[in-house]
Every structure is written in C-alpha cells, then in structure tokens.
Amino acid sequence: MCKYGYFCTKMNNNMRVKFRKAKKADMKSVLGLINELAIFEKEPDAVTVTEEILIQDGFGGKPLFQVFVAVIENEIVGMALFYERYSTWKGKAIHLEDLIVQEKHRKKGIGNTLYTMVLKYAYENNFKRVAWEVLDWNTPAINFYESTGAVVFKEWRVAQMDQKSLEQFVNLENESI
C-alpha cells in the first residue's frame, strides 16, 4: 500500500498507476477532475475556481489544502483533495473535499487507494476524524464508504452560504448594527 506523501506505483489490471502528492503543474488536470465531478454531481456550472486560484491556495505561503493524485502514462486520472479543520468535540480533523477518478478508470481500485492514502495520512498524523459529504443518490459511494467502516449520517444536513448570500447577509447586518 502507498504511504501518504511518497511516490509509489501499483499495478492495477495490468496498468501501472503512480500515486503521489500533487505539484503546482498538476492543477490544470486537478481542475479538469473537479469539473468532471461537478458534471457527475449534476452541478456543471457550479465550479468557479481557476487553475491560478488552486495554485495560489494550495501552494502559497500557507497552503489551504493537499492533493494526492493517481497518474497513468503521465496523465492524472484521479485525485483526493483534503484539508485540515477542527472539531470542537474531537480536536484536529481532516475534511475530504473531493475524491474523483475519471469515469474510464473507475472500478480499478484507484479511488480506493486515494481514499486509503488520505485515511493513512490522517491516522499517521494523529487526526481524530476524517469527514466528507456524499450525495444521498450516490449509492455506490455510500456502500463503499460504509464497507470501510465509515458512518454515513442520515440525520445531519449540510448548510452553506455562497458568496452572494454572504454579501447580502453582511450588508443587511451592517444596516442593523
């Protein structure tokens, strides 16, 4: 099994797959995978992040995320993007933001290896929890996660505000303060 943060190679279905930490030069391919995931999740127009933003946010003075990638014949075919967060109940935690493998390379163990790399990274660095969201209609993903021991909560809902909602709220609150 690949140890997080290190280059490693696995043979999957007579195909050599290399797993490693992402580099700046990978962000164009990472963005392509993010867009592929958005299409899969029925949100094709939701991605506003750019390659430049990914480079700035992931490789600047204080990186906001890390990425593990899977590479076949110099093409990035999968990635796991994650970042640190804090749980008031458990302490330091990891949020797995995206785990995606190109459709033509699914069912070959690539996603499982990327997932495992994130979990091993969390375990070996003494993180107390790894959390992520999964769409309720993505039954194959839910079944996979549950088969690994993850608990998929049915009673919790995701809440968020986009930039426009933030602006409207702040402007309304500034009027009342």
Protein backbone atom coordinates (compact mmCIF):
# COMPACT_ATOMS: atom_id res chain seq x y z
CA MET A 1 0.00 0.00 0.00
CA CYS A 2 1.17 3.50 -0.74
CA LYS A 3 2.39 5.54 2.20
CA TYR A 4 1.00 9.08 2.12
CA GLY A 5 3.21 11.81 0.73
CA TYR A 6 5.50 9.39 -1.04
CA PHE A 7 5.72 8.36 -4.62
CA CYS A 8 4.59 4.79 -5.18
CA THR A 9 3.46 2.58 -8.02
CA LYS A 10 0.82 -0.13 -8.11
CA MET A 11 -0.21 -2.49 -10.86
CA ASN A 12 -3.96 -2.35 -11.43
CA ASN A 13 -5.42 -4.54 -14.19
CA ASN A 14 -2.05 -4.73 -15.98
CA MET A 15 -1.82 -0.94 -15.78
CA ARG A 16 0.90 0.90 -13.89
CA VAL A 17 -0.69 3.56 -11.66
CA LYS A 18 1.56 6.03 -9.84
CA PHE A 19 0.30 7.73 -6.70
CA ARG A 20 1.92 10.87 -5.30
CA LYS A 21 1.35 14.29 -3.79
CA ALA A 22 0.26 16.85 -6.34
CA LYS A 23 2.52 19.61 -7.64
CA LYS A 24 1.69 23.07 -8.95
CA ALA A 25 1.94 21.80 -12.51
CA ASP A 26 -0.85 19.30 -11.77
CA MET A 27 -3.51 21.90 -11.01
CA LYS A 28 -4.78 22.13 -14.60
CA SER A 29 -5.55 18.40 -14.50
CA VAL A 30 -6.93 18.65 -10.96
CA LEU A 31 -9.29 21.39 -12.17
CA GLY A 32 -10.38 19.13 -15.02
CA LEU A 33 -11.26 16.43 -12.49
CA ILE A 34 -13.13 18.97 -10.33
CA ASN A 35 -15.19 19.91 -13.38
CA GLU A 36 -15.83 16.23 -14.18
CA LEU A 37 -17.07 15.73 -10.62
CA ALA A 38 -19.35 18.77 -10.88
CA ILE A 39 -20.94 17.27 -14.00
CA PHE A 40 -21.35 13.91 -12.24
CA GLU A 41 -22.99 15.68 -9.28
CA LYS A 42 -25.39 17.49 -11.67
CA GLU A 43 -23.83 20.92 -10.99
CA PRO A 44 -21.94 21.55 -14.27
CA ASP A 45 -21.89 25.35 -13.88
CA ALA A 46 -21.03 25.49 -10.17
CA VAL A 47 -17.21 25.48 -10.43
CA THR A 48 -15.75 29.00 -10.30
CA VAL A 49 -12.27 28.15 -9.02
CA THR A 50 -9.46 28.51 -11.57
CA GLU A 51 -6.09 26.86 -12.05
CA GLU A 52 -4.45 30.04 -10.75
CA ILE A 53 -6.58 30.04 -7.59
CA LEU A 54 -5.76 26.37 -6.97
CA ILE A 55 -2.04 27.13 -7.31
CA GLN A 56 -2.26 30.17 -5.03
CA ASP A 57 -4.39 28.44 -2.39
CA GLY A 58 -2.64 25.08 -2.47
CA PHE A 59 0.98 26.11 -2.86
CA GLY A 60 1.23 29.61 -1.35
CA GLY A 61 2.89 30.54 1.92
CA LYS A 62 0.16 28.83 3.95
CA PRO A 63 -1.34 26.05 1.80
CA LEU A 64 -5.07 25.61 2.38
CA PHE A 65 -5.29 22.05 1.04
CA GLN A 66 -3.35 18.99 -0.07
CA VAL A 67 -3.96 16.71 -3.03
CA PHE A 68 -2.96 13.13 -3.76
CA VAL A 69 -3.08 12.19 -7.44
CA ALA A 70 -3.17 8.97 -9.44
CA VAL A 71 -1.20 9.01 -12.70
CA ILE A 72 -1.33 6.61 -15.65
CA GLU A 73 1.13 7.20 -18.50
CA ASN A 74 1.75 10.82 -17.39
CA GLU A 75 -1.99 11.60 -17.22
CA ILE A 76 -3.67 12.44 -13.91
CA VAL A 77 -6.70 10.16 -13.75
CA GLY A 78 -7.78 10.63 -10.15
CA MET A 79 -7.33 12.82 -7.11
CA ALA A 80 -8.23 13.27 -3.47
CA LEU A 81 -8.27 16.88 -2.22
CA PHE A 82 -8.40 17.41 1.54
CA TYR A 83 -7.64 19.97 4.24
CA GLU A 84 -7.35 20.34 7.98
CA ARG A 85 -10.23 21.52 10.13
CA TYR A 86 -11.05 21.45 13.81
CA SER A 87 -13.79 19.58 15.67
CA THR A 88 -14.86 21.06 18.99
CA TRP A 89 -15.80 17.52 20.02
CA LYS A 90 -12.74 15.60 18.80
CA GLY A 91 -9.88 18.02 18.06
CA LYS A 92 -7.93 18.20 14.84
CA ALA A 93 -9.68 16.66 11.86
CA ILE A 94 -9.44 16.28 8.10
CA HIS A 95 -12.13 17.22 5.57
CA LEU A 96 -12.02 15.18 2.36
CA GLU A 97 -13.41 17.70 -0.11
CA ASP A 98 -13.25 15.71 -3.34
CA LEU A 99 -12.38 12.17 -4.35
CA ILE A 100 -12.71 11.60 -8.08
CA VAL A 101 -11.42 9.15 -10.66
CA GLN A 102 -12.02 9.61 -14.37
CA GLU A 103 -15.01 7.55 -15.43
CA LYS A 104 -12.98 5.36 -17.80
CA HIS A 105 -10.64 4.40 -14.92
CA ARG A 106 -13.23 3.60 -12.26
CA LYS A 107 -13.62 0.12 -10.77
CA LYS A 108 -9.84 -0.44 -10.90
CA GLY A 109 -9.00 0.29 -7.24
CA ILE A 110 -7.66 3.78 -7.93
CA GLY A 111 -10.27 5.58 -5.83
CA ASN A 112 -9.80 3.05 -3.04
CA THR A 113 -6.04 3.72 -2.99
CA LEU A 114 -6.51 7.52 -2.94
CA TYR A 115 -9.09 7.17 -0.15
CA THR A 116 -6.74 4.93 1.81
CA MET A 117 -3.88 7.39 1.38
CA VAL A 118 -5.97 10.18 2.94
CA LEU A 119 -7.06 7.96 5.83
CA LYS A 120 -3.48 6.78 6.45
CA TYR A 121 -2.28 10.38 6.36
CA ALA A 122 -4.90 11.27 8.99
CA TYR A 123 -4.07 8.29 11.17
CA GLU A 124 -0.29 8.70 10.99
CA ASN A 125 -0.57 12.42 11.82
CA ASN A 126 -2.87 11.84 14.79
CA PHE A 127 -6.01 13.42 13.34
CA LYS A 128 -9.07 12.41 15.31
CA ARG A 129 -11.57 12.28 12.47
CA VAL A 130 -11.96 12.42 8.70
CA ALA A 131 -15.27 13.77 7.40
CA TRP A 132 -16.80 14.36 3.97
CA GLU A 133 -20.15 14.71 2.25
CA VAL A 134 -21.73 12.21 -0.12
CA LEU A 135 -24.87 12.80 -2.14
CA ASP A 136 -27.83 10.70 -1.00
CA TRP A 137 -28.37 9.31 -4.51
CA ASN A 138 -24.73 8.16 -4.88
CA THR A 139 -25.45 4.66 -3.61
CA PRO A 140 -22.20 3.07 -4.89
CA ALA A 141 -20.14 5.63 -2.94
CA ILE A 142 -22.28 5.25 0.18
CA ASN A 143 -21.96 1.47 0.04
CA PHE A 144 -18.19 1.74 -0.45
CA TYR A 145 -17.73 4.16 2.46
CA GLU A 146 -19.87 2.04 4.77
CA SER A 147 -17.92 -1.08 3.76
CA THR A 148 -14.76 0.62 5.06
CA GLY A 149 -16.28 1.38 8.46
CA ALA A 150 -17.40 4.95 7.78
CA VAL A 151 -20.74 6.07 9.17
CA VAL A 152 -22.97 7.96 6.71
CA PHE A 153 -25.27 10.10 8.84
CA LYS A 154 -28.82 10.42 7.59
CA GLU A 155 -29.98 12.95 10.18
CA TRP A 156 -27.36 15.66 9.50
CA ARG A 157 -27.86 18.26 6.77
CA VAL A 158 -25.19 20.33 5.05
CA ALA A 159 -25.65 24.10 5.38
CA GLN A 160 -23.68 26.69 3.46
CA MET A 161 -23.80 30.23 2.16
CA ASP A 162 -22.39 31.17 -1.21
CA GLN A 163 -20.56 34.45 -1.80
CA LYS A 164 -23.71 36.29 -2.92
CA SER A 165 -25.63 35.18 0.20
CA LEU A 166 -22.71 36.21 2.40
CA GLU A 167 -22.67 39.65 0.82
CA GLN A 168 -26.42 40.10 1.25
CA PHE A 169 -26.30 38.97 4.88
CA VAL A 170 -23.34 41.17 5.80
CA ASN A 171 -24.90 44.18 4.13
CA LEU A 172 -28.20 43.64 5.97
CA GLU A 173 -26.42 43.12 9.29
CA ASN A 174 -24.29 46.25 8.80
CA GLU A 175 -27.52 48.25 8.45
CA SER A 176 -28.83 46.89 11.75
CA ILE A 177 -25.61 47.25 13.78
